């Protein structure tokens, strides 16, 4: 799509997931009878709600409408038994439990905005907690090394091994939430994550500490994996972007707070082990909070609970009552396909997903590299104490909050675009934030390196650069994750799984070589190397903005509803002009 102004000017998923049905139906009188595009959009919405943005079936061929069926048959594409995937919704059985009308208060989409913001806040607090745990021990690395008699390199694993748990966790907790619901996954994983802190606090050797850290990260990633699903469960497309911005900011506030708290606890009379006790107290409080106040938000799980309740109330009269999710049978082969095979298949065949994953992996690695780089810059070079060094991370937190407000500002035209594009604005609209943040990260890295390298430069100069770095990192994440959701729609969860696994692995690797890189190259040239890599990646959102629609049109997994809507609008406009001439 070379132009982004309007549908008429165009030839043609911690993120706002387009929810087309309401918008299309609302504006149906303006566009005449329901078209194949309307039918397909509504079907996509049903699949998104049913499968949590990860449709079990493989996508249909891109040219299916044009080459396999005649135009008159396009509206029945989803009802053809010859091409329907195994999980195509069947006609509703009279005994199947559904919502009691469009205003059913059991439906999370019908909850009040106040309650939706309450649920968003609960998810955000859980996210701050688990990301806080990822970085809090970084300030205690030197003390852990001395007390447990290990090498410097191995001591860096205390941070990295937690992120390795992030690599494997999404394979279980995303699909698990679709099988049993969001709430049980949250409660069980948070409880186990909390308990593993005991092993960390009592560890008498580095092996025990690293093993318990891994399992703690493995369970801790559930709020990160499923938090975006909760946002899609409860928020409409227009407000979802704002709520997701708040949630994404929380994802990055946790790692920022960790070194601040960890630094003060480590040098106090309590000692480094109390860093883990503080983490456990915080984790236990959040687990209790979630247990008391976090509701189930996944629609199929809510309907399954409703069916069980009805059968219990009237075992005879309601013995045949069922929810659709109760009839779905997941085989181990299908689960492996969804959680492992398809995400990596998408990574191999989807250039958008591949390049976005590379970019986000580097950015994520830079964030966690700061936990090892800041002590080199601010303690060794500028003579700050460990607690003072931790306070520098507050700059990254300020940047994260600024990124949230910038992203909300960039979302202002979205309600209008939802109307213009009949519920499916082009995904490339989400790239403005990354286009701003890419160059910002380059400037921030150079600023940090060339002011932080010299003791004669006041420490506040490199400290201020943390604000720009934090804002750029978070804005890149908000923009690109939203872009993935809008690009892949009902296959967004598979795209997210691939992205999360790869970027977590890269994030785990960066702290292992950061100190050596800054010591051997010098702070100035090490930061310049990071800036150079960021500079190479910075054109990616600009290229996607110009050529993204063309790339999506050839994608196997991108539905590209906006391209079809643009074509339909152009046909309507041409027909209206021809009618006017007659």
Protein backbone atom coordinates (compact mmCIF):
# COMPACT_ATOMS: atom_id res chain seq x y z
CA UNK A 1 0.00 0.00 0.00
CA UNK A 2 1.82 3.10 -1.21
CA UNK A 3 -0.77 5.49 0.20
CA UNK A 4 -2.32 5.45 3.62
CA UNK A 5 -4.72 8.38 3.44
CA UNK A 6 -8.01 6.59 2.90
CA UNK A 7 -9.52 3.43 1.41
CA UNK A 8 -10.49 5.28 -1.73
CA UNK A 9 -6.89 6.29 -2.47
CA UNK A 10 -5.54 2.79 -1.96
CA UNK A 11 -5.32 -0.04 -4.43
CA UNK A 12 -5.91 -2.39 -1.81
CA UNK A 13 -3.64 -9.31 16.18
CA UNK A 14 1.06 -7.17 26.88
CA UNK A 15 -2.08 -4.14 20.31
CA UNK A 16 -5.63 -3.60 19.04
CA UNK A 17 -7.23 -6.61 17.47
CA UNK A 18 -9.69 -5.54 14.75
CA UNK A 19 -13.17 -6.70 15.58
CA UNK A 20 -15.11 -6.11 12.39
CA UNK A 21 -18.61 -7.40 13.00
CA UNK A 22 -20.14 -4.52 14.91
CA UNK A 23 -18.64 -1.90 12.63
CA UNK A 24 -19.73 -3.62 9.44
CA UNK A 25 -23.27 -4.29 10.62
CA UNK A 26 -23.59 -0.76 11.94
CA UNK A 27 -22.75 0.72 8.55
CA UNK A 28 -24.49 -1.88 6.40
CA UNK A 29 -27.26 0.47 5.21
CA UNK A 30 -24.64 2.78 3.74
CA UNK A 31 -23.10 -0.01 1.64
CA UNK A 32 -26.08 -2.00 0.44
CA UNK A 33 -26.62 -5.74 0.89
CA UNK A 34 -24.14 -7.85 2.76
CA UNK A 35 -21.23 -8.76 0.51
CA UNK A 36 -18.76 -11.67 0.53
CA UNK A 37 -16.37 -9.32 2.33
CA UNK A 38 -18.94 -8.76 5.09
CA UNK A 39 -19.47 -12.51 5.38
CA UNK A 40 -15.73 -13.19 5.56
CA UNK A 41 -15.15 -10.43 8.11
CA UNK A 42 -17.89 -11.72 10.36
CA UNK A 43 -16.57 -15.26 10.08
CA UNK A 44 -13.07 -14.06 10.96
CA UNK A 45 -14.43 -12.33 14.06
CA UNK A 46 -16.16 -15.54 15.17
CA UNK A 47 -12.95 -17.51 14.66
CA UNK A 48 -10.98 -14.94 16.65
CA UNK A 49 -13.41 -15.14 19.57
CA UNK A 50 -13.62 -18.93 19.41
CA UNK A 51 -9.94 -19.75 19.19
CA UNK A 52 -8.27 -16.88 21.03
CA UNK A 53 -6.60 -15.40 17.96
CA UNK A 54 -5.04 -18.73 17.06
CA UNK A 55 -7.27 -20.65 14.66
CA UNK A 56 -6.45 -24.38 14.77
CA UNK A 57 -7.07 -24.73 11.03
CA UNK A 58 -4.55 -23.74 8.41
CA UNK A 59 -5.48 -20.72 6.28
CA UNK A 60 -7.18 -21.11 2.92
CA UNK A 61 -5.23 -20.36 -0.28
CA UNK A 62 -5.01 -16.65 -1.05
CA UNK A 63 -6.66 -17.06 -4.42
CA UNK A 64 -9.46 -19.29 -3.12
CA UNK A 65 -12.29 -16.80 -3.73
CA UNK A 66 -11.12 -15.82 -7.19
CA UNK A 67 -9.97 -19.16 -8.65
CA UNK A 68 -11.75 -21.98 -6.84
CA UNK A 69 -15.26 -20.61 -6.47
CA UNK A 70 -17.29 -18.49 -8.89
CA UNK A 71 -18.14 -15.02 -7.65
CA UNK A 72 -21.72 -16.02 -6.89
CA UNK A 73 -20.47 -18.68 -4.49
CA UNK A 74 -18.01 -16.51 -2.57
CA UNK A 75 -20.45 -15.64 0.18
CA UNK A 76 -20.81 -19.32 1.04
CA UNK A 77 -17.07 -19.95 1.26
CA UNK A 78 -17.25 -20.89 4.93
CA UNK A 79 -20.05 -23.41 4.40
CA UNK A 80 -18.52 -25.52 1.65
CA UNK A 81 -17.87 -29.04 2.99
CA UNK A 82 -15.15 -29.61 0.41
CA UNK A 83 -12.93 -26.80 1.68
CA UNK A 84 -14.07 -26.21 5.24
CA UNK A 85 -11.29 -26.79 7.78
CA UNK A 86 -11.77 -29.37 10.51
CA UNK A 87 -12.74 -26.72 13.04
CA UNK A 88 -15.19 -24.71 10.93
CA UNK A 89 -18.14 -23.77 13.19
CA UNK A 90 -21.18 -25.97 12.62
CA UNK A 91 -24.78 -24.73 12.78
CA UNK A 92 -25.74 -23.99 16.38
CA UNK A 93 -27.44 -26.92 18.11
CA UNK A 94 -30.53 -25.99 20.18
CA UNK A 95 -28.74 -27.46 23.19
CA UNK A 96 -25.57 -25.43 22.65
CA UNK A 97 -25.00 -22.74 25.26
CA UNK A 98 -24.47 -19.24 23.89
CA UNK A 99 -24.82 -15.70 25.20
CA UNK A 100 -28.26 -14.57 26.32
CA UNK A 101 -28.55 -11.88 23.69
CA UNK A 102 -26.15 -9.12 22.65
CA UNK A 103 -26.18 -7.49 26.11
CA UNK A 104 -25.45 -10.58 28.19
CA UNK A 105 -23.36 -9.41 31.14
CA UNK A 106 -21.53 -12.73 31.25
CA UNK A 107 -19.87 -11.68 27.99
CA UNK A 108 -16.65 -9.81 28.93
CA UNK A 109 -17.17 -7.46 26.01
CA UNK A 110 -20.31 -6.17 27.81
CA UNK A 111 -18.63 -5.43 31.14
CA UNK A 112 -18.55 -1.80 32.21
CA UNK A 113 -15.46 0.23 31.27
CA UNK A 114 -14.72 0.71 34.96
CA UNK A 115 -14.58 -3.04 35.52
CA UNK A 116 -12.57 -3.57 32.35
CA UNK A 117 -9.99 -1.07 33.60
CA UNK A 118 -9.95 -2.88 36.93
CA UNK A 119 -9.15 -6.18 35.16
CA UNK A 120 -6.52 -4.39 33.06
CA UNK A 121 -4.95 -3.03 36.24
CA UNK A 122 -4.86 -6.51 37.82
CA UNK A 123 -3.12 -7.92 34.74
CA UNK A 124 -0.70 -5.00 34.70
CA UNK A 125 0.24 -5.52 38.36
CA UNK A 126 0.88 -9.22 37.70
CA UNK A 127 3.06 -8.29 34.76
CA UNK A 128 5.06 -5.74 36.74
CA UNK A 129 5.66 -8.44 39.34
CA UNK A 130 7.00 -11.15 37.03
CA UNK A 131 9.20 -8.73 35.06
CA UNK A 132 10.45 -7.21 38.33
CA UNK A 133 11.72 -10.70 39.22
CA UNK A 134 13.66 -10.91 35.98
CA UNK A 135 15.99 -8.04 36.87
CA UNK A 136 15.94 -7.56 40.65
CA UNK A 137 18.88 -9.96 41.32
CA UNK A 138 21.10 -8.17 38.77
CA UNK A 139 22.26 -5.74 41.47
CA UNK A 140 23.34 -8.67 43.66
CA UNK A 141 25.51 -10.42 41.05
CA UNK A 142 28.83 -9.52 42.70
CA UNK A 143 27.67 -10.69 46.14
CA UNK A 144 26.22 -13.93 44.73
CA UNK A 145 29.55 -14.60 42.99
CA UNK A 146 31.50 -14.16 46.23
CA UNK A 147 29.09 -16.03 48.50
CA UNK A 148 28.50 -19.03 46.23
CA UNK A 149 32.11 -19.16 44.97
CA UNK A 150 31.38 -19.02 41.28
CA UNK A 151 32.87 -17.22 38.28
CA UNK A 152 31.82 -13.83 37.01
CA UNK A 153 30.45 -15.30 33.78
CA UNK A 154 28.33 -17.88 35.60
CA UNK A 155 26.96 -15.21 37.96
CA UNK A 156 25.50 -13.39 34.93
CA UNK A 157 23.29 -16.44 34.35
CA UNK A 158 21.16 -15.41 37.32
CA UNK A 159 19.43 -12.93 34.99
CA UNK A 160 19.77 -14.92 31.76
CA UNK A 161 18.41 -18.24 33.03
CA UNK A 162 15.17 -16.56 34.12
CA UNK A 163 14.67 -15.39 30.52
CA UNK A 164 15.41 -18.90 29.26
CA UNK A 165 12.29 -19.91 31.20
CA UNK A 166 10.45 -17.31 29.10
CA UNK A 167 11.51 -19.26 26.01
CA UNK A 168 9.72 -22.47 26.99
CA UNK A 169 6.77 -21.18 29.01
CA UNK A 170 4.73 -19.72 26.12
CA UNK A 171 4.55 -23.17 24.50
CA UNK A 172 2.44 -24.32 27.45
CA UNK A 173 0.57 -21.36 28.92
CA UNK A 174 -0.93 -19.91 25.72
CA UNK A 175 -2.55 -23.18 24.56
CA UNK A 176 -3.30 -24.06 28.19
CA UNK A 177 -5.42 -20.93 28.57
CA UNK A 178 -7.48 -21.98 25.56
CA UNK A 179 -8.05 -25.44 26.99
CA UNK A 180 -8.96 -24.59 30.60
CA UNK A 181 -9.38 -20.79 30.57
CA UNK A 182 -7.18 -17.81 31.46
CA UNK A 183 -7.85 -17.69 35.21
CA UNK A 184 -6.71 -21.23 36.16
CA UNK A 185 -3.47 -20.77 34.23
CA UNK A 186 -2.80 -17.45 35.95
CA UNK A 187 -3.48 -18.78 39.44
CA UNK A 188 -1.54 -22.06 39.14
CA UNK A 189 1.51 -20.57 37.41
CA UNK A 190 1.72 -17.58 39.76
CA UNK A 191 1.51 -19.86 42.79
CA UNK A 192 4.32 -22.11 41.52
CA UNK A 193 6.40 -19.10 40.48
CA UNK A 194 6.05 -17.76 44.03
CA UNK A 195 7.08 -21.04 45.66
CA UNK A 196 10.25 -21.37 43.62
CA UNK A 197 11.56 -18.21 45.30
CA UNK A 198 12.14 -20.31 48.43
CA UNK A 199 14.78 -22.34 46.59
CA UNK A 200 16.44 -19.16 45.35
CA UNK A 201 16.57 -17.55 48.78
CA UNK A 202 17.95 -20.71 50.45
CA UNK A 203 20.32 -21.74 47.64
CA UNK A 204 23.68 -22.92 48.98
CA UNK A 205 25.25 -23.34 45.55
CA UNK A 206 24.93 -21.75 42.14
CA UNK A 207 23.31 -24.85 40.61
CA UNK A 208 20.34 -24.70 42.98
CA UNK A 209 19.96 -20.99 42.37
CA UNK A 210 20.00 -21.34 38.59
CA UNK A 211 17.62 -24.31 38.47
CA UNK A 212 15.04 -22.58 40.67
CA UNK A 213 15.48 -19.35 38.69
CA UNK A 214 14.74 -21.22 35.47
CA UNK A 215 11.52 -22.75 36.78
CA UNK A 216 10.53 -19.44 38.29
CA UNK A 217 10.85 -17.80 34.84
CA UNK A 218 9.09 -20.75 33.21
CA UNK A 219 5.97 -20.15 35.33
CA UNK A 220 6.35 -16.36 35.51
CA UNK A 221 5.88 -15.82 31.79
CA UNK A 222 2.18 -16.77 31.91
CA UNK A 223 0.98 -13.17 32.54
CA UNK A 224 3.17 -11.98 29.67
CA UNK A 225 1.92 -14.73 27.37
CA UNK A 226 -1.79 -14.41 28.17
CA UNK A 227 -2.10 -10.76 29.19
CA UNK A 228 -2.59 -9.70 25.58
CA UNK A 229 -5.30 -12.34 25.26
CA UNK A 230 -7.13 -10.82 28.22
CA UNK A 231 -6.99 -7.40 26.55
CA UNK A 232 -8.55 -8.91 23.41
CA UNK A 233 -11.14 -10.76 25.53
CA UNK A 234 -12.56 -7.69 27.23
CA UNK A 235 -11.88 -4.59 25.10
CA UNK A 236 -13.50 -3.44 21.88
CA UNK A 237 -11.17 -2.61 18.96
CA UNK A 238 -11.14 1.15 19.51
CA UNK A 239 -10.35 1.15 23.25
CA UNK A 240 -8.18 -1.95 23.11
CA UNK A 241 -5.24 0.00 21.75
CA UNK A 242 -5.21 2.32 24.75
CA UNK A 243 -5.56 -0.54 27.23
CA UNK A 244 -2.80 -2.48 25.49
CA UNK A 245 -0.52 0.57 25.67
CA UNK A 246 -0.98 0.67 29.45
CA UNK A 247 -0.35 -3.07 29.70
CA UNK A 248 2.77 -2.87 27.52
CA UNK A 249 4.17 -0.06 29.66
CA UNK A 250 3.74 -2.30 32.70
CA UNK A 251 5.78 -4.99 30.95
CA UNK A 252 8.79 -2.65 30.99
CA UNK A 253 8.22 -1.00 34.36
CA UNK A 254 8.99 -4.25 36.18
CA UNK A 255 12.57 -4.63 34.89
CA UNK A 256 13.16 -0.98 35.72
CA UNK A 257 12.00 -1.24 39.34
CA UNK A 258 13.95 -4.46 39.92
CA UNK A 259 17.49 -3.03 40.07
CA UNK A 260 16.31 -0.11 42.23
CA UNK A 261 14.85 -2.34 44.94
CA UNK A 262 17.52 -5.02 44.52
CA UNK A 263 20.33 -2.51 44.89
CA UNK A 264 19.12 -1.09 48.21
CA UNK A 265 18.29 -4.51 49.67
CA UNK A 266 21.63 -6.01 48.64
CA UNK A 267 23.81 -3.41 50.40
CA UNK A 268 21.60 -3.29 53.48
CA UNK A 269 22.09 -5.41 56.57
CA UNK A 270 19.58 -7.89 55.12
CA UNK A 271 21.96 -9.15 52.42
CA UNK A 272 21.47 -10.45 48.90
CA UNK A 273 19.25 -13.38 49.91
CA UNK A 274 16.59 -10.93 50.99
CA UNK A 275 16.29 -9.76 47.40
CA UNK A 276 14.61 -13.11 46.73
CA UNK A 277 12.51 -12.91 49.90
CA UNK A 278 11.25 -9.48 48.81
CA UNK A 279 10.49 -10.95 45.38
CA UNK A 280 8.57 -13.78 47.02
CA UNK A 281 6.54 -11.41 49.21
CA UNK A 282 5.65 -9.32 46.17
CA UNK A 283 4.83 -12.47 44.16
CA UNK A 284 2.67 -13.90 46.95
CA UNK A 285 0.75 -10.63 47.29
CA UNK A 286 0.11 -10.52 43.52
CA UNK A 287 -0.96 -14.17 43.46
CA UNK A 288 -3.44 -13.53 46.26
CA UNK A 289 -4.64 -10.40 44.49
CA UNK A 290 -5.21 -12.35 41.27
CA UNK A 291 -6.96 -15.17 43.11
CA UNK A 292 -9.40 -12.72 44.70
CA UNK A 293 -10.02 -10.28 41.90
CA UNK A 294 -9.12 -11.72 38.49
CA UNK A 295 -12.21 -13.11 36.69
CA UNK A 296 -12.30 -15.55 33.83
CA UNK A 297 -12.28 -13.58 30.56
CA UNK A 298 -11.98 -16.27 27.88
CA UNK A 299 -15.42 -16.60 26.28
CA UNK A 300 -15.35 -20.38 25.57
CA UNK A 301 -14.35 -21.08 29.19
CA UNK A 302 -17.17 -18.85 30.49
CA UNK A 303 -19.72 -20.62 28.29
CA UNK A 304 -18.38 -24.03 29.39
CA UNK A 305 -18.86 -23.01 33.04
CA UNK A 306 -22.38 -21.84 32.20
CA UNK A 307 -23.19 -25.22 30.59
CA UNK A 308 -21.94 -27.10 33.66
CA UNK A 309 -24.00 -24.85 35.92
CA UNK A 310 -27.16 -25.47 33.87
CA UNK A 311 -26.63 -29.24 33.91
CA UNK A 312 -26.14 -29.14 37.66
CA UNK A 313 -29.29 -27.08 38.22
CA UNK A 314 -31.47 -29.47 36.18
CA UNK A 315 -29.68 -32.80 35.58
CA UNK A 316 -32.67 -34.20 33.69
CA UNK A 317 -33.96 -31.30 31.63
CA UNK A 318 -30.49 -29.96 30.80
CA UNK A 319 -28.64 -33.26 30.41
CA UNK A 320 -27.96 -32.55 26.72
CA UNK A 321 -26.85 -28.94 27.25
CA UNK A 322 -23.25 -28.32 26.16
CA UNK A 323 -20.78 -25.58 25.33
CA UNK A 324 -18.92 -25.67 22.03
CA UNK A 325 -15.51 -25.92 23.71
CA UNK A 326 -16.64 -29.14 25.44
CA UNK A 327 -17.02 -30.81 22.04
CA UNK A 328 -13.57 -29.81 20.76
CA UNK A 329 -11.03 -32.61 20.99
CA UNK A 330 -7.37 -31.59 20.98
CA UNK A 331 -4.92 -34.34 20.12
CA UNK A 332 -1.25 -34.10 21.17
CA UNK A 333 -0.32 -33.81 17.49
CA UNK A 334 -2.62 -30.79 17.01
CA UNK A 335 -1.28 -29.11 20.15
CA UNK A 336 2.34 -29.60 19.04
CA UNK A 337 1.42 -28.22 15.63
CA UNK A 338 -0.12 -25.07 17.09
CA UNK A 339 2.47 -24.42 19.79
CA UNK A 340 5.73 -25.33 18.05
CA UNK A 341 5.49 -26.29 14.38
CA UNK A 342 3.24 -23.53 13.05
CA UNK A 343 4.99 -20.64 14.88
CA UNK A 344 8.34 -21.66 13.42
CA UNK A 345 6.82 -22.35 10.02
CA UNK A 346 5.45 -18.81 10.06
CA UNK A 347 8.87 -17.52 11.09
CA UNK A 348 10.41 -19.20 8.03
CA UNK A 349 7.81 -18.23 5.41
CA UNK A 350 6.59 -14.84 6.66
CA UNK A 351 9.10 -12.00 5.95
CA UNK A 352 7.10 -9.56 8.08
CA UNK A 353 7.25 -11.84 11.12
CA UNK A 354 10.92 -12.66 10.55
CA UNK A 355 12.08 -9.03 10.31
CA UNK A 356 9.89 -7.87 13.18
CA UNK A 357 11.23 -10.72 15.32
CA UNK A 358 14.84 -9.80 14.50
CA UNK A 359 14.19 -6.15 15.37
CA UNK A 360 12.36 -6.88 18.62
CA UNK A 361 14.94 -9.46 19.65
CA UNK A 362 17.76 -6.93 19.33
CA UNK A 363 15.75 -4.28 21.17
CA UNK A 364 14.85 -6.75 23.93
CA UNK A 365 18.48 -7.77 24.20
CA UNK A 366 19.55 -4.13 24.52
CA UNK A 367 17.11 -3.66 27.41
CA UNK A 368 18.57 -6.56 29.38
CA UNK A 369 22.12 -5.62 28.38
CA UNK A 370 21.61 -2.37 30.30
CA UNK A 371 21.47 -4.34 33.56
CA UNK A 372 25.13 -5.27 33.07
CA UNK A 373 26.24 -2.14 31.19
CA UNK A 374 24.99 0.43 33.70
CA UNK A 375 27.27 -0.82 36.52
CA UNK A 376 30.25 -0.48 34.16
CA UNK A 377 29.27 3.06 33.24
CA UNK A 378 27.95 4.46 36.50
CA UNK A 379 29.79 2.48 39.21
CA UNK A 380 33.23 1.93 37.67
CA UNK A 381 33.49 5.10 35.58
CA UNK A 382 31.40 7.63 37.53
CA UNK A 383 31.82 6.23 41.03
CA UNK A 384 28.16 5.77 41.97
CA UNK A 385 27.10 3.21 44.56
CA UNK A 386 25.04 0.10 43.76
CA UNK A 387 21.76 1.68 45.00
CA UNK A 388 22.51 4.88 43.06
CA UNK A 389 23.20 2.83 39.94
CA UNK A 390 19.82 1.15 40.38
CA UNK A 391 18.14 4.55 40.46
CA UNK A 392 19.44 5.25 36.95
CA UNK A 393 16.97 2.66 35.69
CA UNK A 394 14.15 5.00 36.67
CA UNK A 395 15.03 6.89 33.50
CA UNK A 396 14.05 3.83 31.47
CA UNK A 397 10.78 3.73 33.42
CA UNK A 398 10.09 7.39 32.66
CA UNK A 399 10.73 6.61 29.00
CA UNK A 400 8.27 3.70 29.15
CA UNK A 401 5.54 5.97 30.52
CA UNK A 402 6.28 8.58 27.84
CA UNK A 403 6.05 5.85 25.19
CA UNK A 404 2.62 4.92 26.49
CA UNK A 405 1.36 8.48 26.08
CA UNK A 406 2.96 8.84 22.65
CA UNK A 407 1.32 5.61 21.49
CA UNK A 408 -2.08 6.71 22.83
CA UNK A 409 -1.64 10.00 20.95
CA UNK A 410 -0.83 8.13 17.74
CA UNK A 411 -4.01 6.06 18.18
CA UNK A 412 -6.32 9.10 18.09
CA UNK A 413 -7.37 8.66 14.42
CA UNK A 414 -8.19 4.97 14.93
CA UNK A 415 -11.96 5.36 15.62
CA UNK A 416 -12.35 7.27 12.35
CA UNK A 417 -10.26 4.73 10.46
CA UNK A 418 -12.36 1.88 11.86
CA UNK A 419 -15.39 3.47 10.23
CA UNK A 420 -13.65 4.28 6.94
CA UNK A 421 -12.25 0.79 6.60
CA UNK A 422 -15.37 -1.00 7.88
CA UNK A 423 -13.59 -2.50 10.87
CA UNK A 424 -10.25 -3.39 9.25
CA UNK A 425 -7.83 -0.43 8.95
CA UNK A 426 -4.53 -1.28 7.23
CA UNK A 427 -2.04 -2.84 9.62
CA UNK A 428 0.64 -0.38 8.50
CA UNK A 429 -1.11 2.39 10.45
CA UNK A 430 0.42 0.79 13.56
CA UNK A 431 3.97 1.53 12.39
CA UNK A 432 4.15 5.23 13.23
CA UNK A 433 5.51 4.52 16.70
CA UNK A 434 8.33 2.32 15.38
CA UNK A 435 9.17 4.92 12.74
CA UNK A 436 9.71 7.44 15.53
CA UNK A 437 11.42 5.09 17.97
CA UNK A 438 13.91 3.47 15.57
CA UNK A 439 16.03 6.60 15.05
CA UNK A 440 15.46 7.49 18.72
CA UNK A 441 17.17 4.27 19.83
CA UNK A 442 20.19 5.07 17.64
CA UNK A 443 20.53 8.54 19.18
CA UNK A 444 19.97 7.20 22.70
CA UNK A 445 22.69 4.53 22.37
CA UNK A 446 25.24 7.03 21.02
CA UNK A 447 24.31 9.50 23.74
CA UNK A 448 24.79 6.89 26.46
CA UNK A 449 28.12 5.64 25.10
CA UNK A 450 29.89 8.89 24.36
CA UNK A 451 28.83 10.69 27.52
CA UNK A 452 29.18 7.65 29.77
CA UNK A 453 32.70 6.80 28.62
CA UNK A 454 34.38 9.77 30.31
CA UNK A 455 34.53 10.34 34.06
CA UNK A 456 34.92 14.06 33.39
CA UNK A 457 31.36 14.19 32.01
CA UNK A 458 28.76 14.50 34.77
CA UNK A 459 26.88 11.26 35.41
CA UNK A 460 23.55 12.97 34.73
CA UNK A 461 24.35 13.23 30.99
CA UNK A 462 24.35 9.48 30.30
CA UNK A 463 21.57 9.02 32.89
CA UNK A 464 19.23 11.26 30.89
CA UNK A 465 19.89 9.16 27.78
CA UNK A 466 18.14 6.28 29.58
CA UNK A 467 14.85 8.16 29.14
CA UNK A 468 15.24 8.23 25.35
CA UNK A 469 16.39 4.61 25.26
CA UNK A 470 13.46 3.49 27.41
CA UNK A 471 10.92 5.39 25.33
CA UNK A 472 12.36 4.03 22.08
CA UNK A 473 12.47 0.41 23.26
CA UNK A 474 8.89 0.44 24.55
CA UNK A 475 7.49 2.34 21.56
CA UNK A 476 9.11 -0.12 19.13
CA UNK A 477 7.49 -2.96 21.06
CA UNK A 478 4.03 -1.37 21.19
CA UNK A 479 4.10 -0.53 17.51
CA UNK A 480 5.41 -3.81 16.14
CA UNK A 481 3.36 -6.10 18.37
CA UNK A 482 0.22 -4.23 17.32
CA UNK A 483 1.37 -4.58 13.71
CA UNK A 484 1.70 -8.34 14.09
CA UNK A 485 -1.79 -8.61 15.57
CA UNK A 486 -3.37 -6.53 12.82
CA UNK A 487 -1.44 -8.41 10.15
CA UNK A 488 -2.16 -11.99 11.23
CA UNK A 489 -5.49 -11.62 13.09
CA UNK A 490 -6.63 -15.16 14.01
CA UNK A 491 -3.06 -16.43 13.56
CA UNK A 492 -1.56 -13.71 15.76
CA UNK A 493 -1.01 -16.03 18.71
CA UNK A 494 1.23 -18.27 16.59
CA UNK A 495 3.14 -15.19 15.42
CA UNK A 496 3.51 -14.04 19.02
CA UNK A 497 4.73 -17.46 20.13
CA UNK A 498 7.55 -17.45 17.58
CA UNK A 499 8.42 -13.86 18.41
CA UNK A 500 8.42 -14.45 22.18
CA UNK A 501 10.57 -17.58 22.00
CA UNK A 502 13.24 -15.99 19.80
CA UNK A 503 13.41 -12.62 21.54
CA UNK A 504 13.55 -14.25 24.99
CA UNK A 505 16.48 -16.39 23.84
CA UNK A 506 18.27 -13.31 22.52
CA UNK A 507 17.44 -11.36 25.68
CA UNK A 508 18.93 -14.18 27.74
CA UNK A 509 22.14 -14.13 25.70
CA UNK A 510 22.89 -10.39 25.82
CA UNK A 511 23.78 -10.12 29.53
CA UNK A 512 26.33 -12.92 29.11
CA UNK A 513 28.65 -10.86 26.91
CA UNK A 514 27.70 -7.25 27.69
CA UNK A 515 30.35 -6.59 30.35
CA UNK A 516 33.12 -8.11 28.23
CA UNK A 517 32.01 -6.05 25.24
CA UNK A 518 31.99 -2.79 27.21
CA UNK A 519 35.33 -3.59 28.84
CA UNK A 520 37.13 -4.64 25.65
CA UNK A 521 35.69 -2.08 23.24
CA UNK A 522 35.17 0.72 25.71
CA UNK A 523 31.82 2.20 26.61
CA UNK A 524 31.88 4.58 23.65
CA UNK A 525 32.56 2.00 20.94
CA UNK A 526 30.41 -0.72 22.51
CA UNK A 527 27.45 1.68 22.51
CA UNK A 528 28.35 2.73 18.96
CA UNK A 529 28.17 -0.93 17.90
CA UNK A 530 24.68 -1.18 19.40
CA UNK A 531 23.71 2.09 17.70
CA UNK A 532 25.03 0.77 14.38
CA UNK A 533 22.89 -2.35 14.63
CA UNK A 534 19.89 -0.21 15.56
CA UNK A 535 20.62 2.00 12.55
CA UNK A 536 20.60 -1.01 10.22
CA UNK A 537 17.21 -2.08 11.61
CA UNK A 538 15.63 1.40 11.75
CA UNK A 539 14.43 1.40 8.08
CA UNK A 540 12.31 -1.73 8.64
CA UNK A 541 9.10 0.08 9.73
CA UNK A 542 9.49 2.57 6.87
CA UNK A 543 9.86 -0.26 4.36
CA UNK A 544 6.83 -2.05 5.79
CA UNK A 545 4.85 1.18 5.70
CA UNK A 546 5.49 1.44 1.96
CA UNK A 547 5.57 -2.20 0.89
CA UNK A 548 3.80 -3.98 3.76
CA UNK A 549 0.46 -4.31 1.98
CA UNK A 550 2.16 -5.83 -1.07
CA UNK A 551 4.01 -8.31 1.15
CA UNK A 552 0.84 -9.17 3.07
CA UNK A 553 -1.04 -9.81 -0.16
CA UNK A 554 1.35 -12.69 -0.89
CA UNK A 555 1.28 -14.05 2.68
CA UNK A 556 -0.21 -17.44 3.48
CA UNK A 557 -1.27 -16.42 6.99
CA UNK A 558 -2.27 -12.74 6.68
CA UNK A 559 -6.04 -12.47 5.96
CA UNK A 560 -5.64 -9.00 4.36
CA UNK A 561 -9.30 -8.05 4.85
CA UNK A 562 -8.37 -4.38 4.39
CA UNK A 563 -7.13 -5.06 0.84
CA UNK A 564 -10.43 -6.71 -0.09
CA UNK A 565 -12.43 -3.91 1.52
CA UNK A 566 -10.43 -1.31 -0.44
CA UNK A 567 -11.19 -3.20 -3.64
CA UNK A 568 -14.87 -3.40 -2.75
CA UNK A 569 -15.05 0.32 -1.94
CA UNK A 570 -13.37 1.14 -5.24
CA UNK A 571 -15.95 -0.98 -7.09
CA UNK A 572 -18.80 0.73 -5.23
CA UNK A 573 -17.36 4.13 -6.08
CA UNK A 574 -16.98 3.19 -9.74
CA UNK A 575 -20.54 1.85 -9.85
CA UNK A 576 -21.87 5.04 -8.27
CA UNK A 577 -19.99 7.18 -10.79
CA UNK A 578 -21.27 5.11 -13.70
CA UNK A 579 -24.80 5.37 -12.36
CA UNK A 580 -24.41 9.14 -12.10
CA UNK A 581 -23.25 9.35 -15.71
CA UNK A 582 -26.29 7.39 -16.85
